[in-house]
Structures are given as C-alpha cells and as structure tokens.
Amino acid sequence: MKLSINGEVAETNFNTLNEWINAEYENSTGKGFAIAVNDCVVPNSEWNSRLLQDGDRILVVQATQGG
C-alpha cells in the first residue's frame, strides 16, 4: 500500500501504525513522538489498533533536545 509520510510517498506492507513506527524508528516506545493520521492525532495507546489504509497521510513529529 502507498502512504504519504511527512509529505513523501512510501510503500509499506505493515498493517498497523505500531508495526510501521517500530520498523521505521527501531522499536520505539512512543516517547517523544506525536503522530497524526489524516490530520487526526493518534495517541500512542491506540497505535496497536490503528489500521493503516492505502492513501493514509501520516505526519510524525519527533521531539529533540536543544536549547
């Protein structure tokens, strides 16, 4: 299926948001991430149940240290 991730089209075979985020961000715990799918924020408690669909638009924001 094709997804738009932070504005770039990508192909994936993952079924859930959690499967995708763990593969892309190396087994993330979800801390420091905010994810929206189709302009709706998805709490990390719902990542396991959020199914991905062809054409979904995903926006990932990752907190970074700095000053």
C-alpha atoms as a PDB file:
ATOM      1  CA  MET A   1       0.000   0.000   0.000  1.00  0.00           C
ATOM      2  CA  LYS A   2       1.082   3.602  -0.513  1.00  0.00           C
ATOM      3  CA  LEU A   3       1.277   6.070   2.360  1.00  0.00           C
ATOM      4  CA  SER A   4       2.242   9.719   2.487  1.00  0.00           C
ATOM      5  CA  ILE A   5       4.738  10.092   5.333  1.00  0.00           C
ATOM      6  CA  ASN A   6       5.703  13.646   6.207  1.00  0.00           C
ATOM      7  CA  GLY A   7       4.815  14.609   2.647  1.00  0.00           C
ATOM      8  CA  GLU A   8       6.716  11.833   0.860  1.00  0.00           C
ATOM      9  CA  VAL A   9       5.099   8.768  -0.709  1.00  0.00           C
ATOM     10  CA  ALA A  10       6.282   5.413   0.633  1.00  0.00           C
ATOM     11  CA  GLU A  11       5.322   1.791   0.017  1.00  0.00           C
ATOM     12  CA  THR A  12       4.665  -0.457   3.010  1.00  0.00           C
ATOM     13  CA  ASN A  13       3.242  -3.853   3.877  1.00  0.00           C
ATOM     14  CA  PHE A  14       2.583  -3.086   7.550  1.00  0.00           C
ATOM     15  CA  ASN A  15      -0.978  -3.412   8.811  1.00  0.00           C
ATOM     16  CA  THR A  16      -0.922  -1.229  11.914  1.00  0.00           C
ATOM     17  CA  LEU A  17       0.568   2.087  12.867  1.00  0.00           C
ATOM     18  CA  ASN A  18       2.527   0.355  15.640  1.00  0.00           C
ATOM     19  CA  GLU A  19       4.145  -2.123  13.215  1.00  0.00           C
ATOM     20  CA  TRP A  20       5.178   0.720  10.947  1.00  0.00           C
ATOM     21  CA  ILE A  21       6.539   3.011  13.690  1.00  0.00           C
ATOM     22  CA  ASN A  22       8.549   0.175  15.281  1.00  0.00           C
ATOM     23  CA  ALA A  23      10.157  -0.677  11.943  1.00  0.00           C
ATOM     24  CA  GLU A  24      10.857   2.930  10.987  1.00  0.00           C
ATOM     25  CA  TYR A  25      12.057   4.105  14.382  1.00  0.00           C
ATOM     26  CA  GLU A  26      13.721   0.917  15.688  1.00  0.00           C
ATOM     27  CA  ASN A  27      11.293  -0.402  18.312  1.00  0.00           C
ATOM     28  CA  SER A  28      10.231   2.966  19.652  1.00  0.00           C
ATOM     29  CA  THR A  29       8.447   3.146  22.994  1.00  0.00           C
ATOM     30  CA  GLY A  30       6.442   6.051  21.653  1.00  0.00           C
ATOM     31  CA  LYS A  31       8.067   8.554  23.975  1.00  0.00           C
ATOM     32  CA  GLY A  32       8.963  11.767  22.225  1.00  0.00           C
ATOM     33  CA  PHE A  33       6.729  11.111  19.215  1.00  0.00           C
ATOM     34  CA  ALA A  34       3.470  12.627  18.073  1.00  0.00           C
ATOM     35  CA  ILE A  35       1.714  11.026  15.125  1.00  0.00           C
ATOM     36  CA  ALA A  36      -1.259  12.196  13.124  1.00  0.00           C
ATOM     37  CA  VAL A  37      -3.037  10.110  10.508  1.00  0.00           C
ATOM     38  CA  ASN A  38      -5.165  12.018   8.034  1.00  0.00           C
ATOM     39  CA  ASP A  39      -4.889  15.160  10.184  1.00  0.00           C
ATOM     40  CA  CYS A  40      -6.064  13.423  13.384  1.00  0.00           C
ATOM     41  CA  VAL A  41      -3.630  12.852  16.260  1.00  0.00           C
ATOM     42  CA  VAL A  42      -3.410   9.174  17.237  1.00  0.00           C
ATOM     43  CA  PRO A  43      -2.472   8.620  20.913  1.00  0.00           C
ATOM     44  CA  ASN A  44       0.296   6.033  21.313  1.00  0.00           C
ATOM     45  CA  SER A  45      -2.137   3.915  23.345  1.00  0.00           C
ATOM     46  CA  GLU A  46      -4.058   3.402  20.067  1.00  0.00           C
ATOM     47  CA  TRP A  47      -1.107   2.636  17.782  1.00  0.00           C
ATOM     48  CA  ASN A  48      -1.646  -1.148  18.069  1.00  0.00           C
ATOM     49  CA  SER A  49      -5.265  -0.915  16.974  1.00  0.00           C
ATOM     50  CA  ARG A  50      -4.907   1.817  14.319  1.00  0.00           C
ATOM     51  CA  LEU A  51      -5.030   0.029  10.980  1.00  0.00           C
ATOM     52  CA  LEU A  52      -3.240   1.599   8.044  1.00  0.00           C
ATOM     53  CA  GLN A  53      -5.073   2.049   4.764  1.00  0.00           C
ATOM     54  CA  ASP A  54      -3.855   2.784   1.268  1.00  0.00           C
ATOM     55  CA  GLY A  55      -3.506   6.537   0.831  1.00  0.00           C
ATOM     56  CA  ASP A  56      -3.234   7.425   4.537  1.00  0.00           C
ATOM     57  CA  ARG A  57      -1.339  10.635   5.254  1.00  0.00           C
ATOM     58  CA  ILE A  58       0.966  10.245   8.248  1.00  0.00           C
ATOM     59  CA  LEU A  59       2.709  13.118   9.979  1.00  0.00           C
ATOM     60  CA  VAL A  60       5.412  12.189  12.501  1.00  0.00           C
ATOM     61  CA  VAL A  61       6.873  14.766  14.847  1.00  0.00           C
ATOM     62  CA  GLN A  62       9.798  13.691  16.996  1.00  0.00           C
ATOM     63  CA  ALA A  63      10.966  15.737  19.970  1.00  0.00           C
ATOM     64  CA  THR A  64      14.637  16.631  20.018  1.00  0.00           C
ATOM     65  CA  GLN A  65      16.936  18.084  22.614  1.00  0.00           C
ATOM     66  CA  GLY A  66      18.225  21.561  22.188  1.00  0.00           C
ATOM     67  CA  GLY A  67      18.127  24.993  23.579  1.00  0.00           C
END
